[in-house]
Protein backbone atom coordinates (compact mmCIF):
# COMPACT_ATOMS: atom_id res chain seq x y z
CA MET A 1 18.03 -12.21 9.60
CA ARG A 2 15.10 -12.20 11.97
CA LEU A 3 12.43 -9.78 10.81
CA LYS A 4 9.00 -8.62 11.96
CA LEU A 5 6.37 -7.81 9.34
CA ILE A 6 3.55 -5.41 10.19
CA GLY A 7 1.23 -5.31 7.20
CA CYS A 8 -2.25 -4.70 5.90
CA GLU A 9 -4.43 -7.79 5.82
CA ILE A 10 -5.13 -7.40 2.11
CA LEU A 11 -1.59 -8.79 1.60
CA TYR A 12 -2.26 -11.88 3.71
CA ARG A 13 -2.13 -14.57 1.02
CA GLU A 14 0.82 -13.06 -0.82
CA MET A 15 2.94 -12.41 2.26
CA CYS A 16 2.27 -15.83 3.82
CA ALA A 17 3.33 -17.54 0.59
CA LEU A 18 6.57 -15.56 0.48
CA ILE A 19 7.36 -15.85 4.19
CA ALA A 20 6.99 -19.64 4.01
CA ARG A 21 9.78 -19.73 1.42
CA SER A 22 12.02 -16.97 2.80
CA ARG A 23 15.56 -17.69 3.93
CA ASN A 24 14.92 -15.26 6.79
CA GLN A 25 12.85 -15.85 9.90
CA VAL A 26 9.88 -13.54 9.49
CA ASP A 27 7.28 -13.15 12.20
CA PHE A 28 4.17 -11.29 11.12
CA GLU A 29 1.24 -9.25 12.32
CA PHE A 30 -1.57 -8.19 10.00
CA LEU A 31 -3.68 -5.15 10.81
CA PRO A 32 -7.27 -4.57 9.60
CA LYS A 33 -7.73 -2.93 6.22
CA GLY A 34 -10.24 -0.68 8.00
CA LEU A 35 -7.33 1.49 9.09
CA HIS A 36 -7.56 3.04 5.63
CA ASP A 37 -11.05 4.28 6.49
CA MET A 38 -9.74 6.27 9.44
CA ALA A 39 -8.29 9.74 9.26
CA SER A 40 -4.55 9.71 8.63
CA ALA A 41 -3.82 10.53 12.26
CA GLY A 42 -5.84 7.52 13.40
CA MET A 43 -4.05 5.18 11.03
CA LEU A 44 -0.67 6.55 12.10
CA GLU A 45 -1.54 6.13 15.77
CA ARG A 46 -2.47 2.46 15.28
CA LEU A 47 0.65 1.71 13.27
CA GLN A 48 2.89 3.50 15.75
CA LYS A 49 1.43 1.44 18.58
CA ALA A 50 2.22 -1.75 16.66
CA VAL A 51 5.79 -0.61 16.00
CA ASP A 52 6.32 0.50 19.59
CA ALA A 53 4.99 -2.82 20.90
CA VAL A 54 7.70 -4.68 18.98
CA ASP A 55 10.36 -2.31 20.30
CA ALA A 56 9.14 -2.68 23.86
CA VAL A 57 9.26 -6.49 23.89
CA ASP A 58 11.57 -7.71 21.12
CA ALA A 59 13.95 -4.87 20.31
CA GLU A 60 17.00 -7.12 20.66
CA HIS A 61 15.54 -9.96 18.61
CA TYR A 62 14.73 -8.26 15.28
CA ASP A 63 17.04 -6.78 12.70
CA ALA A 64 14.24 -4.72 11.12
CA ILE A 65 10.49 -4.15 11.08
CA LEU A 66 9.04 -4.61 7.59
CA LEU A 67 6.03 -2.49 6.69
CA GLY A 68 3.53 -4.18 4.39
CA TYR A 69 2.17 -0.82 3.27
CA ALA A 70 2.89 1.93 0.80
CA LEU A 71 2.53 5.63 1.63
CA CYS A 72 -1.26 5.05 1.73
CA GLY A 73 -2.36 8.66 1.33
CA THR A 74 -0.56 10.16 4.31
CA GLY A 75 -1.30 7.30 6.70
CA LEU A 76 2.38 6.49 7.26
CA VAL A 77 3.68 10.06 7.39
CA GLY A 78 5.23 10.59 10.80
CA LEU A 79 5.69 6.90 11.64
CA THR A 80 8.83 6.78 13.76
CA ALA A 81 11.51 4.12 14.17
CA ARG A 82 12.42 3.67 17.82
CA GLY A 83 15.15 1.09 18.42
CA ILE A 84 14.60 -1.03 15.29
CA PRO A 85 14.92 0.16 11.67
CA LEU A 86 11.74 0.31 9.57
CA VAL A 87 11.69 -0.82 5.94
CA LEU A 88 9.02 0.54 3.59
CA PRO A 89 8.51 -0.09 -0.15
CA ARG A 90 8.42 3.08 -2.22
CA GLY A 91 4.87 3.44 -3.56
CA HIS A 92 1.84 5.68 -3.38
CA ASP A 93 -0.51 2.83 -2.52
CA CYS A 94 -0.66 -0.94 -2.27
CA MET A 95 -1.23 -1.50 -5.99
CA THR A 96 2.50 -0.82 -6.37
CA LEU A 97 3.11 -3.85 -4.15
CA PHE A 98 0.86 -6.05 -6.29
CA MET A 99 2.33 -4.83 -9.58
CA GLY A 100 5.97 -5.18 -8.59
CA SER A 101 7.22 -1.62 -9.00
CA LYS A 102 6.12 1.99 -8.80
CA GLU A 103 7.13 2.44 -12.44
CA ARG A 104 4.85 -0.32 -13.73
CA TYR A 105 1.96 0.90 -11.62
CA LEU A 106 2.38 4.49 -12.80
CA ASP A 107 2.55 3.40 -16.44
CA TYR A 108 -0.64 1.35 -16.11
CA PHE A 109 -2.39 4.09 -14.16
CA ILE A 110 -1.58 6.72 -16.78
CA ASN A 111 -2.64 4.53 -19.71
CA HIS A 112 -5.87 3.25 -18.16
CA ALA A 113 -7.86 6.26 -17.04
CA GLY A 114 -10.66 5.52 -14.62
CA VAL A 115 -9.42 2.10 -13.51
CA TYR A 116 -10.28 0.42 -10.22
CA PHE A 117 -8.28 -2.60 -9.01
CA ARG A 118 -9.16 -5.88 -7.38
CA THR A 119 -7.01 -8.57 -5.78
CA THR A 120 -7.88 -11.57 -3.62
CA GLY A 121 -7.26 -9.51 -0.50
CA TRP A 122 -9.55 -6.69 -1.54
CA LEU A 123 -12.29 -9.20 -2.34
CA GLU A 124 -11.88 -11.36 0.76
CA ARG A 125 -11.70 -8.44 3.14
CA ALA A 126 -15.01 -7.04 1.85
CA GLN A 127 -13.75 -3.73 0.54
CA SER A 128 -16.70 -1.84 -0.90
CA LEU A 129 -16.44 0.34 -3.97
CA ASN A 130 -19.12 2.54 -2.45
CA GLN A 131 -16.94 3.67 0.42
CA LEU A 132 -15.97 7.29 0.11
CA SER A 133 -12.43 8.37 0.69
CA ILE A 134 -11.21 9.48 4.09
CA GLN A 135 -11.06 13.05 2.87
CA SER A 136 -14.62 13.06 1.49
CA LYS A 137 -16.00 11.59 4.70
CA ASN A 138 -14.50 14.47 6.61
CA GLY A 139 -15.46 17.23 4.19
CA LEU A 140 -11.92 17.61 2.88
CA ASP A 141 -12.40 17.10 -0.85
CA PRO A 142 -9.24 18.25 -2.62
CA ASP A 143 -8.95 21.39 -4.70
CA TYR A 144 -7.20 20.52 -7.97
CA THR A 145 -5.75 24.00 -8.51
CA ALA A 146 -4.24 23.97 -5.04
CA LEU A 147 -2.71 20.55 -5.65
CA VAL A 148 -1.12 21.72 -8.92
CA ALA A 149 0.29 24.80 -7.22
CA LYS A 150 1.82 22.76 -4.42
CA TYR A 151 2.90 19.54 -6.12
CA GLY A 152 3.03 20.14 -9.87
CA GLU A 153 0.77 18.95 -12.68
CA GLU A 154 1.80 15.29 -12.85
CA ASN A 155 1.62 14.63 -9.12
CA ALA A 156 -1.58 16.66 -8.85
CA GLN A 157 -3.35 14.45 -11.39
CA TYR A 158 -2.50 11.35 -9.39
CA LEU A 159 -3.32 12.86 -6.02
CA TYR A 160 -6.60 14.38 -7.15
CA GLN A 161 -7.98 11.08 -8.40
CA GLU A 162 -6.76 9.21 -5.34
CA LEU A 163 -8.15 11.77 -2.89
CA SER A 164 -11.46 12.40 -4.60
CA GLY A 165 -12.82 8.94 -3.83
CA SER A 166 -15.65 9.28 -6.34
CA LEU A 167 -16.81 6.47 -8.63
CA VAL A 168 -18.01 8.89 -11.28
CA ASN A 169 -14.88 8.67 -13.39
CA TYR A 170 -14.29 4.94 -13.05
CA LYS A 171 -14.96 2.85 -16.15
CA GLN A 172 -12.73 -0.21 -15.84
CA LEU A 173 -12.11 -2.88 -13.25
CA THR A 174 -8.76 -4.67 -13.38
CA PHE A 175 -8.16 -7.91 -11.51
CA ILE A 176 -4.51 -8.51 -10.59
CA GLU A 177 -3.77 -12.23 -10.58
CA MET A 178 -0.86 -12.96 -8.25
CA GLY A 179 -0.49 -16.69 -8.86
CA ILE A 180 -1.53 -17.69 -5.35
CA GLU A 181 -5.28 -17.93 -6.04
CA PRO A 182 -6.80 -21.36 -5.24
CA ASP A 183 -9.17 -21.24 -8.21
CA ASP A 184 -10.83 -18.78 -10.60
CA SER A 185 -13.53 -17.66 -8.16
CA PHE A 186 -11.87 -14.30 -7.45
CA GLU A 187 -11.58 -13.52 -11.14
CA ARG A 188 -15.23 -14.47 -11.67
CA ARG A 189 -16.37 -12.19 -8.85
CA SER A 190 -14.37 -9.34 -10.35
CA ARG A 191 -15.86 -9.91 -13.80
CA GLU A 192 -19.37 -9.98 -12.36
CA GLU A 193 -18.75 -6.78 -10.44
CA ALA A 194 -17.47 -5.01 -13.54
CA GLU A 195 -20.46 -6.22 -15.56
CA SER A 196 -22.94 -5.07 -12.92
CA ARG A 197 -21.47 -1.57 -13.06
CA GLY A 198 -21.21 -1.42 -16.82
CA TRP A 199 -17.43 -1.24 -16.70
CA SER A 200 -14.89 -2.97 -18.90
CA PHE A 201 -12.83 -5.75 -17.36
CA GLU A 202 -9.20 -6.76 -17.65
CA LYS A 203 -7.08 -9.36 -15.90
CA ILE A 204 -3.36 -8.73 -15.62
CA ALA A 205 -0.52 -10.71 -14.08
CA GLY A 206 0.75 -9.43 -10.77
CA ASP A 207 4.39 -9.35 -9.77
CA MET A 208 5.60 -10.60 -6.39
CA SER A 209 9.18 -9.35 -6.84
CA LEU A 210 8.82 -6.24 -4.67
CA LEU A 211 7.20 -8.14 -1.80
CA LYS A 212 9.75 -10.93 -2.15
CA ALA A 213 12.62 -8.45 -1.95
CA LEU A 214 11.03 -7.01 1.20
CA VAL A 215 11.06 -10.32 3.09
CA GLU A 216 14.42 -11.42 1.68
CA GLY A 217 16.18 -8.26 2.87
CA GLU A 218 17.06 -7.01 -0.62
CA TRP A 219 16.43 -3.36 0.19
CA ASP A 220 18.00 -1.32 -2.58
CA GLU A 221 17.48 2.43 -2.28
CA GLN A 222 15.50 2.73 -5.52
CA ARG A 223 12.73 0.43 -4.30
CA PHE A 224 12.85 0.75 -0.51
CA LEU A 225 13.20 3.29 2.24
CA VAL A 226 15.12 2.23 5.35
CA VAL A 227 14.20 4.40 8.32
CA LYS A 228 16.93 4.40 10.95
CA PRO A 229 16.17 4.51 14.70
CA GLY A 230 15.31 8.07 15.67
CA GLN A 231 13.94 8.92 12.20
CA ARG A 232 10.38 9.22 10.92
CA ILE A 233 8.73 8.77 7.53
CA VAL A 234 7.93 11.86 5.46
CA ALA A 235 6.26 12.24 2.05
CA ARG A 236 8.39 13.22 -0.93
CA TYR A 237 6.53 14.61 -3.92
CA ASN A 238 9.00 13.23 -6.43
CA ASP A 239 10.07 9.78 -7.65
CA ASP A 240 11.24 8.80 -4.17
CA ILE A 241 7.63 9.07 -2.83
CA VAL A 242 8.84 8.64 0.77
CA GLY A 243 11.85 9.81 2.74
CA ALA A 244 13.18 9.90 6.30
CA GLU A 245 14.09 12.74 8.61
CA ASP A 246 15.10 13.05 12.24
CA ALA A 247 12.08 12.70 14.49
């Protein structure tokens, strides 16, 4: 297959390593991580432009457009497939991509309250822990009671912590080692950051299997959403996380 990857630059090292070994021909375009600092509508607009640009020039050349993103808040909600199918991993955020599955990420998240993650991409691309969330920047701090009423207790707990954007409740920094690091400098930087903030530190092994399946075209329904031409991405507040509906 010939595929086009549109992904966040924090996945640069991982995706390049996998693309180099893929049996498919995968062309790629990485977008700035700063899209996450925009309002959801701004992120969606930029992603839609990237998707539409591929459709306008290379619609007959690609079998699918791969999205190197998760749901990312609501940044991908409304993204529409034009003439080429879109393929999206099922996950709330990119830590699912680094940990190999939404189930592993959820288990770690539940059992490590107040954890913040680091990877090579987050370190190289100068992500600051002091940045407030998109919602906080715009005066849209979430109301926990409203989230419970709308999405249920379990989903509300996850969403509230993700949307709050505050460092008050963080107490651990976890470095995810993906096996593509050139040396131990990224781990050292993570340890130093945790120490400077008085947080505990843990290093865990990442899992490239979800990203590998993405570039290899192994898109089973449990792990991936395939958005057909004429459909758009919607959020699902259940185990599916994302779904598709007619645009």
